[in-house]
Amino acid sequence: TLRNEMLVMIMETGLSCSRKSPTERVEMKEVVARLKMIPWKAFPVEE
């Protein structure tokens, strides 16, 4: 489903930020670009 695909994108981004070697980690510009691609409306927030 779309929701599962988005969760995978979020998890992959998080894992790429937490690699052991700093040179293997993704730059924050790339992280922001990836997060902006996620259609957040599929994650309704309950207050």
N, C-alpha and C. Protein backbone atom coordinates (compact mmCIF):
# COMPACT_ATOMS: atom_id res chain seq x y z
N THR A 1 0.84 -1.20 0.00
CA THR A 1 0.00 0.00 0.00
C THR A 1 0.87 1.25 0.00
N LEU A 2 0.24 2.37 -0.28
CA LEU A 2 0.97 3.65 -0.30
C LEU A 2 1.56 3.96 1.06
N ARG A 3 0.78 3.70 2.10
CA ARG A 3 1.25 3.98 3.45
C ARG A 3 2.50 3.16 3.78
N ASN A 4 2.52 1.90 3.40
CA ASN A 4 3.69 1.05 3.64
C ASN A 4 4.90 1.56 2.87
N GLU A 5 4.69 1.99 1.63
CA GLU A 5 5.80 2.52 0.83
C GLU A 5 6.38 3.77 1.48
N MET A 6 5.52 4.62 2.02
CA MET A 6 6.00 5.83 2.67
C MET A 6 6.77 5.51 3.94
N LEU A 7 6.30 4.53 4.69
CA LEU A 7 7.02 4.11 5.89
C LEU A 7 8.40 3.57 5.54
N VAL A 8 8.49 2.83 4.45
CA VAL A 8 9.78 2.32 3.99
C VAL A 8 10.70 3.48 3.63
N MET A 9 10.17 4.50 2.94
CA MET A 9 10.98 5.66 2.58
C MET A 9 11.52 6.36 3.83
N ILE A 10 10.67 6.51 4.83
CA ILE A 10 11.09 7.16 6.07
C ILE A 10 12.17 6.35 6.77
N MET A 11 11.96 5.04 6.86
CA MET A 11 12.94 4.18 7.54
C MET A 11 14.27 4.14 6.79
N GLU A 12 14.21 4.05 5.46
CA GLU A 12 15.45 4.05 4.67
C GLU A 12 16.22 5.35 4.87
N THR A 13 15.51 6.46 4.92
CA THR A 13 16.16 7.75 5.13
C THR A 13 16.81 7.79 6.50
N GLY A 14 16.09 7.33 7.51
CA GLY A 14 16.65 7.29 8.86
C GLY A 14 17.88 6.41 8.96
N LEU A 15 17.82 5.25 8.33
CA LEU A 15 18.98 4.35 8.36
C LEU A 15 20.17 4.94 7.62
N SER A 16 19.91 5.65 6.52
CA SER A 16 21.03 6.24 5.78
C SER A 16 21.68 7.37 6.57
N CYS A 17 20.94 7.96 7.51
CA CYS A 17 21.50 9.01 8.37
C CYS A 17 22.31 8.44 9.52
N SER A 18 22.13 7.17 9.81
CA SER A 18 22.75 6.60 11.01
C SER A 18 23.84 5.58 10.69
N ARG A 19 24.38 5.66 9.50
CA ARG A 19 25.47 4.73 9.15
C ARG A 19 26.66 4.99 10.06
N LYS A 20 27.45 3.96 10.26
CA LYS A 20 28.56 4.04 11.20
C LYS A 20 29.60 5.08 10.77
N SER A 21 29.97 5.06 9.51
CA SER A 21 30.98 5.99 9.02
C SER A 21 30.34 7.31 8.59
N PRO A 22 30.82 8.43 9.10
CA PRO A 22 30.27 9.73 8.71
C PRO A 22 30.32 9.98 7.20
N THR A 23 31.32 9.42 6.54
CA THR A 23 31.43 9.65 5.09
C THR A 23 30.36 8.89 4.30
N GLU A 24 29.76 7.87 4.92
CA GLU A 24 28.71 7.10 4.26
C GLU A 24 27.32 7.68 4.51
N ARG A 25 27.21 8.62 5.45
CA ARG A 25 25.91 9.19 5.79
C ARG A 25 25.44 10.16 4.71
N VAL A 26 24.14 10.25 4.60
CA VAL A 26 23.52 11.16 3.63
C VAL A 26 23.59 12.58 4.17
N GLU A 27 23.81 13.54 3.28
CA GLU A 27 23.83 14.95 3.69
C GLU A 27 22.41 15.41 4.01
N MET A 28 22.30 16.39 4.90
CA MET A 28 20.99 16.87 5.32
C MET A 28 20.17 17.44 4.17
N LYS A 29 20.83 18.02 3.17
CA LYS A 29 20.10 18.52 2.00
C LYS A 29 19.35 17.38 1.33
N GLU A 30 19.99 16.23 1.23
CA GLU A 30 19.37 15.06 0.62
C GLU A 30 18.24 14.53 1.50
N VAL A 31 18.43 14.55 2.81
CA VAL A 31 17.39 14.10 3.73
C VAL A 31 16.14 14.95 3.56
N VAL A 32 16.32 16.26 3.53
CA VAL A 32 15.19 17.17 3.37
C VAL A 32 14.48 16.91 2.05
N ALA A 33 15.24 16.72 0.99
CA ALA A 33 14.65 16.45 -0.32
C ALA A 33 13.84 15.16 -0.29
N ARG A 34 14.36 14.14 0.35
CA ARG A 34 13.64 12.86 0.44
C ARG A 34 12.35 13.01 1.25
N LEU A 35 12.45 13.71 2.38
CA LEU A 35 11.27 13.87 3.23
C LEU A 35 10.19 14.71 2.55
N LYS A 36 10.59 15.65 1.73
CA LYS A 36 9.62 16.48 1.02
C LYS A 36 8.87 15.68 -0.04
N MET A 37 9.44 14.57 -0.50
CA MET A 37 8.79 13.75 -1.52
C MET A 37 7.67 12.88 -0.94
N ILE A 38 7.63 12.75 0.38
CA ILE A 38 6.63 11.90 1.02
C ILE A 38 5.30 12.64 1.10
N PRO A 39 4.23 12.03 0.60
CA PRO A 39 2.91 12.66 0.69
C PRO A 39 2.35 12.52 2.11
N TRP A 40 2.65 13.49 2.97
CA TRP A 40 2.33 13.41 4.39
C TRP A 40 0.83 13.38 4.67
N LYS A 41 0.01 13.75 3.72
CA LYS A 41 -1.44 13.73 3.95
C LYS A 41 -1.95 12.32 4.20
N ALA A 42 -1.19 11.33 3.83
CA ALA A 42 -1.59 9.94 4.06
C ALA A 42 -1.41 9.54 5.52
N PHE A 43 -0.76 10.39 6.31
CA PHE A 43 -0.57 10.15 7.73
C PHE A 43 -1.38 11.17 8.52
N PRO A 44 -2.68 10.94 8.67
CA PRO A 44 -3.48 11.91 9.42
C PRO A 44 -3.04 11.97 10.88
N VAL A 45 -2.99 13.17 11.40
CA VAL A 45 -2.57 13.38 12.79
C VAL A 45 -3.82 13.59 13.63
N GLU A 46 -3.93 12.80 14.67
CA GLU A 46 -5.07 12.94 15.59
C GLU A 46 -4.64 13.80 16.76
N GLU A 47 -5.48 14.75 17.10
CA GLU A 47 -5.17 15.63 18.24
C GLU A 47 -5.96 15.23 19.45
